[in-house]
Amino acid sequence: MVAYDHVGRRARVRGIGLVPETRKVIECKGQRAADLLDAIETNEAFSTQVCKLKKEIDLDPSKVNPNG
C-alpha cells in the first residue's frame, strides 16, 4: 500500500465516495492511475460503484478487483 484516503459523504452521494477518494490518492502521488497502480481492490458491495470508479478514473478493468 502506497497511500490511502477516507472521506465522509452525505447519504445521497455516499455510494460514489470511492471516486473522489481514489482520485485524491492518485493525484497526491503525482502520477497517472495506469502508471501508479498494479491492482486496485475495492471493498464495495455493489458492482455499480466499481463500474463508476472504472469510468471516472479511467482504470484498466483488468487491474480492478483482479481477485474477485
C-alpha atoms as a PDB file:
ATOM      1  CA  MET A   1       0.000   0.000   0.000  1.00  0.00           C
ATOM      2  CA  VAL A   2       1.438   3.346  -1.027  1.00  0.00           C
ATOM      3  CA  ALA A   3      -1.398   5.654   0.011  1.00  0.00           C
ATOM      4  CA  TYR A   4      -4.965   5.722   1.263  1.00  0.00           C
ATOM      5  CA  ASP A   5      -7.786   8.163   1.931  1.00  0.00           C
ATOM      6  CA  HIS A   6     -11.153   8.232   3.636  1.00  0.00           C
ATOM      7  CA  VAL A   7     -13.986  10.714   3.406  1.00  0.00           C
ATOM      8  CA  GLY A   8     -17.472  11.091   4.864  1.00  0.00           C
ATOM      9  CA  ARG A   9     -20.267  11.776   2.388  1.00  0.00           C
ATOM     10  CA  ARG A  10     -23.888  12.855   2.540  1.00  0.00           C
ATOM     11  CA  ALA A  11     -26.307   9.948   2.142  1.00  0.00           C
ATOM     12  CA  ARG A  12     -27.404  10.881  -1.381  1.00  0.00           C
ATOM     13  CA  VAL A  13     -23.831  10.739  -2.756  1.00  0.00           C
ATOM     14  CA  ARG A  14     -22.288   8.313  -0.321  1.00  0.00           C
ATOM     15  CA  GLY A  15     -22.357   5.394  -2.767  1.00  0.00           C
ATOM     16  CA  ILE A  16     -19.839   7.005  -5.101  1.00  0.00           C
ATOM     17  CA  GLY A  17     -17.450   8.239  -2.417  1.00  0.00           C
ATOM     18  CA  LEU A  18     -14.709   5.973  -3.644  1.00  0.00           C
ATOM     19  CA  VAL A  19     -14.389   8.021  -6.856  1.00  0.00           C
ATOM     20  CA  PRO A  20     -13.112  11.300  -5.343  1.00  0.00           C
ATOM     21  CA  GLU A  21     -11.162   9.382  -2.699  1.00  0.00           C
ATOM     22  CA  THR A  22      -9.336   7.327  -5.312  1.00  0.00           C
ATOM     23  CA  ARG A  23      -8.754  10.397  -7.476  1.00  0.00           C
ATOM     24  CA  LYS A  24      -7.280  12.252  -4.479  1.00  0.00           C
ATOM     25  CA  VAL A  25      -4.841   9.436  -3.690  1.00  0.00           C
ATOM     26  CA  ILE A  26      -3.706   9.192  -7.310  1.00  0.00           C
ATOM     27  CA  GLU A  27      -3.250  12.973  -7.589  1.00  0.00           C
ATOM     28  CA  CYS A  28      -1.261  13.179  -4.338  1.00  0.00           C
ATOM     29  CA  LYS A  29       1.221  10.706  -5.807  1.00  0.00           C
ATOM     30  CA  GLY A  30       1.628  12.889  -8.922  1.00  0.00           C
ATOM     31  CA  GLN A  31       1.171  10.038 -11.377  1.00  0.00           C
ATOM     32  CA  ARG A  32      -1.433   8.619 -13.711  1.00  0.00           C
ATOM     33  CA  ALA A  33      -3.534   5.755 -12.400  1.00  0.00           C
ATOM     34  CA  ALA A  34      -2.206   3.421 -15.102  1.00  0.00           C
ATOM     35  CA  ASP A  35       1.382   4.109 -14.006  1.00  0.00           C
ATOM     36  CA  LEU A  36       0.730   4.026 -10.268  1.00  0.00           C
ATOM     37  CA  LEU A  37      -1.496   1.001  -9.795  1.00  0.00           C
ATOM     38  CA  ASP A  38      -0.670  -2.630 -10.475  1.00  0.00           C
ATOM     39  CA  ALA A  39      -4.008  -3.609  -8.944  1.00  0.00           C
ATOM     40  CA  ILE A  40      -6.804  -1.914  -7.056  1.00  0.00           C
ATOM     41  CA  GLU A  41      -9.021  -3.848  -4.672  1.00  0.00           C
ATOM     42  CA  THR A  42     -12.221  -2.047  -3.802  1.00  0.00           C
ATOM     43  CA  ASN A  43     -14.186  -3.068  -0.754  1.00  0.00           C
ATOM     44  CA  GLU A  44     -17.551  -2.223  -2.272  1.00  0.00           C
ATOM     45  CA  ALA A  45     -20.729  -4.268  -2.028  1.00  0.00           C
ATOM     46  CA  PHE A  46     -22.343  -3.073  -5.237  1.00  0.00           C
ATOM     47  CA  SER A  47     -20.884  -3.567  -8.702  1.00  0.00           C
ATOM     48  CA  THR A  48     -22.296  -0.228  -9.894  1.00  0.00           C
ATOM     49  CA  GLN A  49     -19.897   1.560  -7.572  1.00  0.00           C
ATOM     50  CA  VAL A  50     -16.934  -0.261  -9.059  1.00  0.00           C
ATOM     51  CA  CYS A  51     -18.197   0.476 -12.594  1.00  0.00           C
ATOM     52  CA  LYS A  52     -18.446   4.193 -11.726  1.00  0.00           C
ATOM     53  CA  LEU A  53     -14.899   4.140 -10.369  1.00  0.00           C
ATOM     54  CA  LYS A  54     -13.511   2.476 -13.517  1.00  0.00           C
ATOM     55  CA  LYS A  55     -15.295   5.007 -15.724  1.00  0.00           C
ATOM     56  CA  GLU A  56     -14.451   8.169 -13.776  1.00  0.00           C
ATOM     57  CA  ILE A  57     -10.817   7.341 -13.028  1.00  0.00           C
ATOM     58  CA  ASP A  58     -10.180   5.594 -16.370  1.00  0.00           C
ATOM     59  CA  LEU A  59      -8.724   2.492 -14.782  1.00  0.00           C
ATOM     60  CA  ASP A  60      -7.656  -0.591 -16.653  1.00  0.00           C
ATOM     61  CA  PRO A  61     -10.537  -3.045 -15.977  1.00  0.00           C
ATOM     62  CA  SER A  62      -8.101  -5.940 -15.650  1.00  0.00           C
ATOM     63  CA  LYS A  63      -6.489  -4.198 -12.650  1.00  0.00           C
ATOM     64  CA  VAL A  64      -9.716  -3.580 -10.691  1.00  0.00           C
ATOM     65  CA  ASN A  65     -10.585  -6.355  -8.217  1.00  0.00           C
ATOM     66  CA  PRO A  66      -8.481  -8.927 -10.086  1.00  0.00           C
ATOM     67  CA  ASN A  67      -9.068 -11.465  -7.321  1.00  0.00           C
ATOM     68  CA  GLY A  68     -12.842 -11.063  -7.333  1.00  0.00           C
END
